[in-house]
Amino acid sequence: MTRTVLEHRLFGGGWSRPLTRELFRRGDAVGVLLYDPVNHLIGLVEQFRLGAMDEKQGPWQYEVVAGMMSREENPQQVAIRELKEETGVEVEKLIPICDYLVSVGGTDEKMHMYCGLLDLTGKGGIFGLDGEGEDIQFHVWPYDEVMHAFSQGLLNSAAMTVSLLWLKLKHSELRPKS
């Protein structure tokens, strides 16, 4: 956390009064939505999230695969590392979705989002790093079930929302032509 006192230019001209702002310096993160275009399946991870303790469905959240990026890594390297740690899979192709600022009112975190294409048949299980206290269950769902859960508000993280809306627009382009 950093606390900053600053002034900024005002839209109407002049300068603001001194403002005190706090910022959680988190850095960059990478997220990967797993999609099987042949079998029309989506892979999601489920894990306990403290920030969701007050959510109606509880603190176990369905999410995209994600992790923090170190200064020595690029987003693709983080994606590959996190996929192995959280799902045990390797993707055939990583497609960039977008980069977005998570919540600029309180953090500097930037999320680099990808769609990972692969065959999800027979995948799933329990993963995570013991040293990081991770207990992650990897699920594979049919596309329509994921989109229904999303429409019911059960998949409500920002990364999930961004990636599922992207997939809704792009899935027909990714599916094999018959």
N, C-alpha and C. Protein backbone atom coordinates (compact mmCIF):
# COMPACT_ATOMS: atom_id res chain seq x y z
N MET A 1 0.85 -1.18 0.00
CA MET A 1 0.00 0.00 0.00
C MET A 1 0.89 1.23 0.00
N THR A 2 0.52 2.18 -0.81
CA THR A 2 1.20 3.47 -0.80
C THR A 2 0.14 4.56 -0.60
N ARG A 3 0.53 5.59 0.11
CA ARG A 3 -0.34 6.75 0.30
C ARG A 3 0.33 7.91 -0.42
N THR A 4 -0.44 8.62 -1.24
CA THR A 4 0.07 9.72 -2.03
C THR A 4 -0.81 10.94 -1.82
N VAL A 5 -0.17 12.09 -1.68
CA VAL A 5 -0.90 13.36 -1.67
C VAL A 5 -0.58 14.02 -3.00
N LEU A 6 -1.62 14.41 -3.74
CA LEU A 6 -1.39 14.97 -5.08
C LEU A 6 -2.43 16.02 -5.42
N GLU A 7 -2.11 16.78 -6.44
CA GLU A 7 -3.05 17.71 -7.06
C GLU A 7 -3.07 17.36 -8.54
N HIS A 8 -4.22 17.59 -9.19
CA HIS A 8 -4.31 17.30 -10.62
C HIS A 8 -5.09 18.41 -11.31
N ARG A 9 -4.90 18.51 -12.62
CA ARG A 9 -5.64 19.50 -13.41
C ARG A 9 -7.13 19.16 -13.38
N LEU A 10 -7.95 20.18 -13.34
CA LEU A 10 -9.40 20.01 -13.33
C LEU A 10 -9.94 20.20 -14.75
N PHE A 11 -11.00 19.49 -15.09
CA PHE A 11 -11.61 19.63 -16.41
C PHE A 11 -12.04 21.07 -16.68
N GLY A 12 -12.52 21.75 -15.66
CA GLY A 12 -12.99 23.12 -15.83
C GLY A 12 -11.89 24.16 -15.75
N GLY A 13 -10.64 23.72 -15.62
CA GLY A 13 -9.51 24.63 -15.51
C GLY A 13 -9.01 24.69 -14.08
N GLY A 14 -7.76 25.04 -13.95
CA GLY A 14 -7.15 25.15 -12.64
C GLY A 14 -6.71 23.80 -12.09
N TRP A 15 -6.49 23.79 -10.77
CA TRP A 15 -5.97 22.60 -10.10
C TRP A 15 -6.87 22.19 -8.95
N SER A 16 -6.88 20.91 -8.65
CA SER A 16 -7.63 20.40 -7.50
C SER A 16 -6.94 20.85 -6.22
N ARG A 17 -7.65 20.72 -5.12
CA ARG A 17 -7.01 20.89 -3.82
C ARG A 17 -6.15 19.65 -3.58
N PRO A 18 -5.24 19.66 -2.61
CA PRO A 18 -4.45 18.45 -2.33
C PRO A 18 -5.36 17.29 -1.92
N LEU A 19 -5.19 16.16 -2.57
CA LEU A 19 -5.98 14.95 -2.32
C LEU A 19 -5.08 13.85 -1.79
N THR A 20 -5.55 13.10 -0.82
CA THR A 20 -4.82 11.94 -0.31
C THR A 20 -5.47 10.70 -0.89
N ARG A 21 -4.65 9.86 -1.52
CA ARG A 21 -5.14 8.62 -2.13
C ARG A 21 -4.24 7.47 -1.71
N GLU A 22 -4.85 6.29 -1.55
CA GLU A 22 -4.11 5.08 -1.25
C GLU A 22 -4.20 4.13 -2.43
N LEU A 23 -3.11 3.40 -2.68
CA LEU A 23 -3.06 2.49 -3.82
C LEU A 23 -2.40 1.18 -3.41
N PHE A 24 -3.07 0.09 -3.70
CA PHE A 24 -2.51 -1.23 -3.49
C PHE A 24 -1.64 -1.54 -4.71
N ARG A 25 -0.34 -1.59 -4.51
CA ARG A 25 0.60 -1.86 -5.59
C ARG A 25 0.70 -3.37 -5.76
N ARG A 26 -0.04 -3.88 -6.68
CA ARG A 26 -0.13 -5.34 -6.88
C ARG A 26 0.67 -5.82 -8.08
N GLY A 27 0.73 -5.02 -9.14
CA GLY A 27 1.46 -5.44 -10.33
C GLY A 27 0.56 -6.13 -11.33
N ASP A 28 1.19 -6.81 -12.28
CA ASP A 28 0.45 -7.44 -13.38
C ASP A 28 0.09 -8.89 -13.06
N ALA A 29 -1.03 -9.31 -13.61
CA ALA A 29 -1.52 -10.68 -13.47
C ALA A 29 -1.88 -11.20 -14.86
N VAL A 30 -2.02 -12.51 -14.94
CA VAL A 30 -2.37 -13.17 -16.20
C VAL A 30 -3.53 -14.12 -15.93
N GLY A 31 -4.51 -14.11 -16.83
CA GLY A 31 -5.64 -15.03 -16.73
C GLY A 31 -5.82 -15.78 -18.03
N VAL A 32 -6.26 -17.05 -17.92
CA VAL A 32 -6.47 -17.87 -19.11
C VAL A 32 -7.81 -18.59 -18.98
N LEU A 33 -8.69 -18.34 -19.95
CA LEU A 33 -9.92 -19.10 -20.08
C LEU A 33 -9.62 -20.29 -20.98
N LEU A 34 -9.88 -21.49 -20.49
CA LEU A 34 -9.62 -22.70 -21.29
C LEU A 34 -10.85 -23.07 -22.09
N TYR A 35 -10.62 -23.29 -23.39
CA TYR A 35 -11.74 -23.61 -24.28
C TYR A 35 -11.34 -24.73 -25.24
N ASP A 36 -12.23 -25.70 -25.36
CA ASP A 36 -12.08 -26.81 -26.30
C ASP A 36 -13.07 -26.55 -27.44
N PRO A 37 -12.58 -26.03 -28.57
CA PRO A 37 -13.49 -25.67 -29.66
C PRO A 37 -14.10 -26.88 -30.37
N VAL A 38 -13.45 -28.02 -30.33
CA VAL A 38 -13.97 -29.21 -31.00
C VAL A 38 -15.16 -29.77 -30.22
N ASN A 39 -14.99 -29.93 -28.90
CA ASN A 39 -16.02 -30.52 -28.06
C ASN A 39 -16.91 -29.48 -27.37
N HIS A 40 -16.63 -28.19 -27.60
CA HIS A 40 -17.42 -27.08 -27.06
C HIS A 40 -17.48 -27.16 -25.53
N LEU A 41 -16.29 -27.26 -24.92
CA LEU A 41 -16.15 -27.37 -23.47
C LEU A 41 -15.33 -26.20 -22.94
N ILE A 42 -15.55 -25.86 -21.67
CA ILE A 42 -14.81 -24.80 -21.00
C ILE A 42 -14.23 -25.37 -19.71
N GLY A 43 -12.97 -25.04 -19.44
CA GLY A 43 -12.32 -25.45 -18.21
C GLY A 43 -12.24 -24.30 -17.23
N LEU A 44 -12.73 -24.54 -16.00
CA LEU A 44 -12.71 -23.53 -14.95
C LEU A 44 -12.08 -24.11 -13.69
N VAL A 45 -11.45 -23.27 -12.91
CA VAL A 45 -10.92 -23.70 -11.62
C VAL A 45 -11.83 -23.19 -10.52
N GLU A 46 -11.88 -23.95 -9.44
CA GLU A 46 -12.68 -23.57 -8.27
C GLU A 46 -11.76 -23.53 -7.07
N GLN A 47 -11.84 -22.42 -6.32
CA GLN A 47 -11.03 -22.33 -5.11
C GLN A 47 -11.65 -21.36 -4.12
N PHE A 48 -11.20 -21.45 -2.89
CA PHE A 48 -11.67 -20.59 -1.81
C PHE A 48 -11.11 -19.18 -2.00
N ARG A 49 -11.97 -18.17 -1.88
CA ARG A 49 -11.57 -16.77 -2.01
C ARG A 49 -12.13 -15.96 -0.85
N LEU A 50 -11.26 -15.41 -0.03
CA LEU A 50 -11.64 -14.64 1.14
C LEU A 50 -12.55 -13.47 0.78
N GLY A 51 -12.27 -12.81 -0.32
CA GLY A 51 -13.08 -11.66 -0.73
C GLY A 51 -14.51 -12.00 -1.09
N ALA A 52 -14.82 -13.27 -1.21
CA ALA A 52 -16.18 -13.70 -1.56
C ALA A 52 -16.92 -14.29 -0.36
N MET A 53 -16.42 -14.06 0.84
CA MET A 53 -17.05 -14.63 2.04
C MET A 53 -18.52 -14.23 2.17
N ASP A 54 -18.87 -13.03 1.76
CA ASP A 54 -20.24 -12.57 1.92
C ASP A 54 -21.12 -12.83 0.70
N GLU A 55 -20.59 -13.52 -0.30
CA GLU A 55 -21.38 -13.83 -1.50
C GLU A 55 -22.43 -14.89 -1.19
N LYS A 56 -23.57 -14.77 -1.84
CA LYS A 56 -24.68 -15.72 -1.64
C LYS A 56 -24.24 -17.16 -1.86
N GLN A 57 -23.44 -17.40 -2.92
CA GLN A 57 -23.01 -18.77 -3.22
C GLN A 57 -21.79 -19.19 -2.41
N GLY A 58 -21.28 -18.30 -1.56
CA GLY A 58 -20.18 -18.64 -0.67
C GLY A 58 -18.82 -18.30 -1.24
N PRO A 59 -17.77 -18.60 -0.49
CA PRO A 59 -16.41 -18.19 -0.87
C PRO A 59 -15.71 -19.10 -1.88
N TRP A 60 -16.33 -20.21 -2.27
CA TRP A 60 -15.72 -21.05 -3.31
C TRP A 60 -16.16 -20.50 -4.65
N GLN A 61 -15.20 -20.03 -5.41
CA GLN A 61 -15.48 -19.32 -6.64
C GLN A 61 -14.96 -20.09 -7.86
N TYR A 62 -15.73 -20.06 -8.93
CA TYR A 62 -15.27 -20.59 -10.22
C TYR A 62 -14.58 -19.44 -10.95
N GLU A 63 -13.40 -19.73 -11.48
CA GLU A 63 -12.57 -18.69 -12.07
C GLU A 63 -11.82 -19.21 -13.29
N VAL A 64 -11.23 -18.27 -14.01
CA VAL A 64 -10.25 -18.64 -15.03
C VAL A 64 -8.95 -18.98 -14.29
N VAL A 65 -8.06 -19.68 -14.95
CA VAL A 65 -6.72 -19.93 -14.41
C VAL A 65 -6.02 -18.57 -14.36
N ALA A 66 -5.36 -18.28 -13.24
CA ALA A 66 -4.72 -16.96 -13.14
C ALA A 66 -3.58 -16.98 -12.14
N GLY A 67 -2.68 -16.01 -12.32
CA GLY A 67 -1.56 -15.86 -11.41
C GLY A 67 -0.86 -14.53 -11.61
N MET A 68 -0.04 -14.20 -10.64
CA MET A 68 0.71 -12.94 -10.67
C MET A 68 1.98 -13.10 -11.49
N MET A 69 2.38 -12.02 -12.11
CA MET A 69 3.55 -11.99 -12.98
C MET A 69 4.72 -11.36 -12.23
N SER A 70 5.89 -12.01 -12.29
CA SER A 70 7.10 -11.42 -11.72
C SER A 70 7.78 -10.56 -12.79
N ARG A 71 8.73 -9.76 -12.37
CA ARG A 71 9.42 -8.88 -13.32
C ARG A 71 10.22 -9.65 -14.36
N GLU A 72 10.60 -10.87 -14.04
CA GLU A 72 11.41 -11.68 -14.95
C GLU A 72 10.58 -12.43 -15.98
N GLU A 73 9.26 -12.40 -15.85
CA GLU A 73 8.38 -13.18 -16.71
C GLU A 73 7.60 -12.30 -17.67
N ASN A 74 7.22 -12.90 -18.80
CA ASN A 74 6.26 -12.23 -19.68
C ASN A 74 4.91 -12.92 -19.49
N PRO A 75 3.82 -12.31 -19.99
CA PRO A 75 2.50 -12.90 -19.75
C PRO A 75 2.35 -14.34 -20.25
N GLN A 76 2.93 -14.68 -21.40
CA GLN A 76 2.79 -16.04 -21.90
C GLN A 76 3.48 -17.05 -20.98
N GLN A 77 4.63 -16.68 -20.42
CA GLN A 77 5.32 -17.58 -19.49
C GLN A 77 4.48 -17.82 -18.24
N VAL A 78 3.85 -16.77 -17.74
CA VAL A 78 2.99 -16.91 -16.56
C VAL A 78 1.80 -17.81 -16.90
N ALA A 79 1.22 -17.62 -18.06
CA ALA A 79 0.08 -18.45 -18.46
C ALA A 79 0.47 -19.93 -18.46
N ILE A 80 1.59 -20.25 -19.05
CA ILE A 80 2.05 -21.65 -19.12
C ILE A 80 2.31 -22.20 -17.73
N ARG A 81 2.96 -21.40 -16.87
CA ARG A 81 3.26 -21.84 -15.49
C ARG A 81 1.97 -22.08 -14.71
N GLU A 82 1.06 -21.14 -14.77
CA GLU A 82 -0.18 -21.26 -14.00
C GLU A 82 -1.06 -22.40 -14.51
N LEU A 83 -1.09 -22.62 -15.81
CA LEU A 83 -1.86 -23.74 -16.35
C LEU A 83 -1.36 -25.06 -15.79
N LYS A 84 -0.05 -25.21 -15.72
CA LYS A 84 0.52 -26.45 -15.18
C LYS A 84 0.18 -26.60 -13.69
N GLU A 85 0.35 -25.51 -12.91
CA GLU A 85 0.10 -25.57 -11.47
C GLU A 85 -1.36 -25.80 -11.13
N GLU A 86 -2.27 -25.15 -11.87
CA GLU A 86 -3.68 -25.16 -11.48
C GLU A 86 -4.53 -26.20 -12.21
N THR A 87 -4.03 -26.73 -13.35
CA THR A 87 -4.85 -27.68 -14.11
C THR A 87 -4.08 -28.89 -14.63
N GLY A 88 -2.77 -28.80 -14.66
CA GLY A 88 -1.96 -29.89 -15.20
C GLY A 88 -2.01 -30.01 -16.71
N VAL A 89 -2.54 -29.00 -17.42
CA VAL A 89 -2.66 -29.09 -18.87
C VAL A 89 -1.69 -28.15 -19.58
N GLU A 90 -1.45 -28.47 -20.85
CA GLU A 90 -0.71 -27.59 -21.75
C GLU A 90 -1.65 -27.23 -22.89
N VAL A 91 -1.66 -25.97 -23.26
CA VAL A 91 -2.56 -25.54 -24.33
C VAL A 91 -1.88 -25.68 -25.68
N GLU A 92 -2.69 -25.85 -26.71
CA GLU A 92 -2.20 -25.91 -28.08
C GLU A 92 -1.95 -24.51 -28.62
N LYS A 93 -2.75 -23.55 -28.14
CA LYS A 93 -2.64 -22.18 -28.63
C LYS A 93 -3.15 -21.22 -27.57
N LEU A 94 -2.44 -20.09 -27.39
CA LEU A 94 -2.88 -19.00 -26.52
C LEU A 94 -3.29 -17.83 -27.40
N ILE A 95 -4.53 -17.39 -27.27
CA ILE A 95 -5.04 -16.27 -28.05
C ILE A 95 -5.23 -15.08 -27.11
N PRO A 96 -4.57 -13.95 -27.39
CA PRO A 96 -4.79 -12.78 -26.54
C PRO A 96 -6.25 -12.31 -26.61
N ILE A 97 -6.84 -12.03 -25.45
CA ILE A 97 -8.18 -11.46 -25.39
C ILE A 97 -8.07 -9.95 -25.23
N CYS A 98 -7.43 -9.51 -24.16
CA CYS A 98 -7.22 -8.09 -23.91
C CYS A 98 -6.37 -7.93 -22.65
N ASP A 99 -5.91 -6.72 -22.42
CA ASP A 99 -5.30 -6.33 -21.16
C ASP A 99 -6.24 -5.28 -20.56
N TYR A 100 -6.50 -5.38 -19.26
CA TYR A 100 -7.35 -4.36 -18.65
C TYR A 100 -6.87 -4.05 -17.23
N LEU A 101 -7.18 -2.84 -16.79
CA LEU A 101 -6.88 -2.40 -15.44
C LEU A 101 -7.99 -2.90 -14.52
N VAL A 102 -7.63 -3.62 -13.48
CA VAL A 102 -8.61 -4.33 -12.66
C VAL A 102 -9.52 -3.38 -11.88
N SER A 103 -8.96 -2.43 -11.18
CA SER A 103 -9.76 -1.50 -10.38
C SER A 103 -8.90 -0.29 -10.06
N VAL A 104 -8.79 0.64 -11.01
CA VAL A 104 -7.83 1.74 -10.91
C VAL A 104 -8.11 2.71 -9.78
N GLY A 105 -9.25 2.64 -9.16
CA GLY A 105 -9.52 3.47 -7.99
C GLY A 105 -8.76 3.03 -6.76
N GLY A 106 -8.23 1.79 -6.77
CA GLY A 106 -7.56 1.30 -5.57
C GLY A 106 -6.34 0.44 -5.80
N THR A 107 -6.07 0.02 -7.05
CA THR A 107 -4.92 -0.84 -7.30
C THR A 107 -4.33 -0.55 -8.67
N ASP A 108 -3.03 -0.87 -8.81
CA ASP A 108 -2.37 -0.71 -10.12
C ASP A 108 -2.37 -2.01 -10.92
N GLU A 109 -3.07 -3.02 -10.44
CA GLU A 109 -3.06 -4.33 -11.11
C GLU A 109 -3.60 -4.25 -12.53
N LYS A 110 -2.85 -4.85 -13.46
CA LYS A 110 -3.28 -5.00 -14.85
C LYS A 110 -3.40 -6.49 -15.13
N MET A 111 -4.51 -6.88 -15.73
CA MET A 111 -4.75 -8.28 -16.07
C MET A 111 -4.54 -8.48 -17.57
N HIS A 112 -3.70 -9.45 -17.90
CA HIS A 112 -3.46 -9.85 -19.29
C HIS A 112 -4.28 -11.12 -19.51
N MET A 113 -5.34 -11.03 -20.33
CA MET A 113 -6.26 -12.14 -20.53
C MET A 113 -5.99 -12.88 -21.83
N TYR A 114 -6.08 -14.21 -21.75
CA TYR A 114 -5.90 -15.11 -22.90
C TYR A 114 -7.00 -16.15 -22.92
N CYS A 115 -7.20 -16.71 -24.11
CA CYS A 115 -8.01 -17.91 -24.27
C CYS A 115 -7.03 -19.01 -24.67
N GLY A 116 -7.03 -20.09 -23.92
CA GLY A 116 -6.17 -21.23 -24.23
C GLY A 116 -6.99 -22.32 -24.90
N LEU A 117 -6.58 -22.71 -26.11
CA LEU A 117 -7.29 -23.75 -26.85
C LEU A 117 -6.63 -25.09 -26.62
N LEU A 118 -7.43 -26.12 -26.37
CA LEU A 118 -6.93 -27.47 -26.15
C LEU A 118 -8.09 -28.45 -26.12
N ASP A 119 -7.76 -29.73 -26.14
CA ASP A 119 -8.74 -30.80 -25.98
C ASP A 119 -8.95 -31.00 -24.49
N LEU A 120 -10.15 -30.74 -23.99
CA LEU A 120 -10.46 -30.88 -22.56
C LEU A 120 -11.08 -32.22 -22.21
N THR A 121 -11.20 -33.13 -23.18
CA THR A 121 -11.79 -34.44 -22.92
C THR A 121 -11.01 -35.17 -21.83
N GLY A 122 -11.72 -35.62 -20.81
CA GLY A 122 -11.10 -36.40 -19.74
C GLY A 122 -10.24 -35.60 -18.78
N LYS A 123 -10.26 -34.29 -18.87
CA LYS A 123 -9.44 -33.45 -17.98
C LYS A 123 -10.23 -33.11 -16.72
N GLY A 124 -9.54 -32.67 -15.72
CA GLY A 124 -10.14 -32.28 -14.44
C GLY A 124 -9.33 -32.88 -13.32
N GLY A 125 -9.65 -32.49 -12.10
CA GLY A 125 -8.96 -33.02 -10.93
C GLY A 125 -8.61 -31.94 -9.93
N ILE A 126 -7.80 -32.33 -8.95
CA ILE A 126 -7.39 -31.42 -7.88
C ILE A 126 -5.94 -31.04 -8.08
N PHE A 127 -5.66 -29.74 -8.03
CA PHE A 127 -4.33 -29.21 -8.30
C PHE A 127 -3.99 -28.11 -7.31
N GLY A 128 -2.85 -27.48 -7.52
CA GLY A 128 -2.39 -26.36 -6.69
C GLY A 128 -1.08 -26.68 -6.03
N LEU A 129 -0.40 -25.65 -5.60
CA LEU A 129 0.89 -25.79 -4.93
C LEU A 129 0.71 -25.80 -3.42
N ASP A 130 1.17 -26.87 -2.77
CA ASP A 130 1.07 -26.95 -1.31
C ASP A 130 1.78 -25.78 -0.65
N GLY A 131 2.94 -25.39 -1.20
CA GLY A 131 3.73 -24.31 -0.63
C GLY A 131 3.02 -22.97 -0.64
N GLU A 132 2.02 -22.83 -1.51
CA GLU A 132 1.24 -21.59 -1.59
C GLU A 132 -0.15 -21.77 -0.96
N GLY A 133 -0.37 -22.94 -0.32
CA GLY A 133 -1.66 -23.20 0.32
C GLY A 133 -2.80 -23.31 -0.67
N GLU A 134 -2.50 -23.71 -1.90
CA GLU A 134 -3.54 -23.80 -2.93
C GLU A 134 -4.28 -25.13 -2.86
N ASP A 135 -5.56 -25.06 -2.97
CA ASP A 135 -6.44 -26.23 -3.05
C ASP A 135 -7.41 -25.92 -4.19
N ILE A 136 -7.09 -26.37 -5.38
CA ILE A 136 -7.80 -25.96 -6.59
C ILE A 136 -8.42 -27.18 -7.26
N GLN A 137 -9.71 -27.10 -7.52
CA GLN A 137 -10.37 -28.15 -8.28
C GLN A 137 -10.61 -27.65 -9.70
N PHE A 138 -10.16 -28.45 -10.66
CA PHE A 138 -10.31 -28.11 -12.08
C PHE A 138 -11.52 -28.84 -12.63
N HIS A 139 -12.47 -28.07 -13.17
CA HIS A 139 -13.72 -28.60 -13.71
C HIS A 139 -13.77 -28.37 -15.21
N VAL A 140 -14.44 -29.26 -15.91
CA VAL A 140 -14.72 -29.08 -17.34
C VAL A 140 -16.23 -29.14 -17.51
N TRP A 141 -16.77 -28.07 -18.10
CA TRP A 141 -18.21 -27.93 -18.28
C TRP A 141 -18.54 -27.75 -19.75
N PRO A 142 -19.71 -28.20 -20.18
CA PRO A 142 -20.18 -27.85 -21.52
C PRO A 142 -20.36 -26.33 -21.64
N TYR A 143 -20.09 -25.81 -22.80
CA TYR A 143 -20.20 -24.37 -23.07
C TYR A 143 -21.55 -23.81 -22.61
N ASP A 144 -22.66 -24.47 -22.98
CA ASP A 144 -23.99 -23.96 -22.66
C ASP A 144 -24.23 -23.88 -21.15
N GLU A 145 -23.71 -24.84 -20.39
CA GLU A 145 -23.87 -24.81 -18.93
C GLU A 145 -23.10 -23.65 -18.32
N VAL A 146 -21.91 -23.38 -18.83
CA VAL A 146 -21.12 -22.25 -18.33
C VAL A 146 -21.86 -20.94 -18.62
N MET A 147 -22.35 -20.80 -19.83
CA MET A 147 -23.05 -19.56 -20.19
C MET A 147 -24.34 -19.39 -19.39
N HIS A 148 -25.01 -20.49 -19.07
CA HIS A 148 -26.20 -20.40 -18.22
C HIS A 148 -25.81 -19.94 -16.81
N ALA A 149 -24.78 -20.56 -16.24
CA ALA A 149 -24.32 -20.16 -14.91
C ALA A 149 -23.89 -18.69 -14.90
N PHE A 150 -23.24 -18.26 -15.97
CA PHE A 150 -22.83 -16.86 -16.10
C PHE A 150 -24.06 -15.95 -16.14
N SER A 151 -25.07 -16.31 -16.90
CA SER A 151 -26.28 -15.49 -17.01
C SER A 151 -27.05 -15.42 -15.69
N GLN A 152 -26.84 -16.41 -14.81
CA GLN A 152 -27.49 -16.43 -13.50
C GLN A 152 -26.68 -15.72 -12.43
N GLY A 153 -25.51 -15.17 -12.81
CA GLY A 153 -24.68 -14.43 -11.86
C GLY A 153 -23.78 -15.30 -11.00
N LEU A 154 -23.63 -16.58 -11.35
CA LEU A 154 -22.80 -17.49 -10.55
C LEU A 154 -21.32 -17.39 -10.89
N LEU A 155 -20.99 -16.84 -12.02
CA LEU A 155 -19.59 -16.67 -12.46
C LEU A 155 -19.38 -15.17 -12.58
N ASN A 156 -18.98 -14.52 -11.49
CA ASN A 156 -19.08 -13.07 -11.46
C ASN A 156 -17.78 -12.31 -11.21
N SER A 157 -16.65 -12.92 -11.42
CA SER A 157 -15.41 -12.15 -11.29
C SER A 157 -15.18 -11.36 -12.58
N ALA A 158 -14.38 -10.30 -12.48
CA ALA A 158 -14.11 -9.47 -13.66
C ALA A 158 -13.44 -10.28 -14.76
N ALA A 159 -12.43 -11.08 -14.42
CA ALA A 159 -11.72 -11.88 -15.44
C ALA A 159 -12.67 -12.86 -16.11
N MET A 160 -13.55 -13.45 -15.33
CA MET A 160 -14.53 -14.38 -15.89
C MET A 160 -15.48 -13.65 -16.84
N THR A 161 -15.96 -12.50 -16.41
CA THR A 161 -16.89 -11.72 -17.22
C THR A 161 -16.27 -11.31 -18.55
N VAL A 162 -15.07 -10.74 -18.48
CA VAL A 162 -14.38 -10.30 -19.70
C VAL A 162 -14.16 -11.47 -20.65
N SER A 163 -13.64 -12.58 -20.12
CA SER A 163 -13.30 -13.70 -20.99
C SER A 163 -14.53 -14.41 -21.55
N LEU A 164 -15.58 -14.55 -20.77
CA LEU A 164 -16.78 -15.23 -21.28
C LEU A 164 -17.52 -14.38 -22.30
N LEU A 165 -17.55 -13.07 -22.11
CA LEU A 165 -18.16 -12.21 -23.12
C LEU A 165 -17.36 -12.27 -24.42
N TRP A 166 -16.04 -12.30 -24.30
CA TRP A 166 -15.19 -12.44 -25.49
C TRP A 166 -15.48 -13.77 -26.20
N LEU A 167 -15.54 -14.86 -25.41
CA LEU A 167 -15.79 -16.17 -26.00
C LEU A 167 -17.17 -16.24 -26.65
N LYS A 168 -18.14 -15.60 -26.04
CA LYS A 168 -19.49 -15.58 -26.62
C LYS A 168 -19.45 -14.95 -28.02
N LEU A 169 -18.63 -13.93 -28.18
CA LEU A 169 -18.50 -13.27 -29.48
C LEU A 169 -17.66 -14.08 -30.47
N LYS A 170 -16.68 -14.84 -29.99
CA LYS A 170 -15.69 -15.47 -30.86
C LYS A 170 -15.80 -16.98 -31.03
N HIS A 171 -16.61 -17.66 -30.21
CA HIS A 171 -16.58 -19.13 -30.23
C HIS A 171 -16.90 -19.73 -31.60
N SER A 172 -17.80 -19.10 -32.36
CA SER A 172 -18.13 -19.67 -33.67
C SER A 172 -16.94 -19.60 -34.62
N GLU A 173 -16.08 -18.58 -34.47
CA GLU A 173 -14.87 -18.48 -35.30
C GLU A 173 -13.82 -19.51 -34.90
N LEU A 174 -13.83 -19.93 -33.65
CA LEU A 174 -12.84 -20.88 -33.13
C LEU A 174 -13.23 -22.33 -33.40
N ARG A 175 -14.51 -22.58 -33.56
CA ARG A 175 -14.99 -23.96 -33.76
C ARG A 175 -14.62 -24.45 -35.14
N PRO A 176 -14.37 -25.76 -35.27
CA PRO A 176 -14.03 -26.32 -36.59
C PRO A 176 -15.20 -26.13 -37.56
N LYS A 177 -14.85 -25.89 -38.77
CA LYS A 177 -15.87 -25.75 -39.83
C LYS A 177 -16.32 -27.15 -40.26
N SER A 178 -17.64 -27.38 -40.33
CA SER A 178 -18.10 -28.71 -40.72
C SER A 178 -18.34 -28.82 -42.20
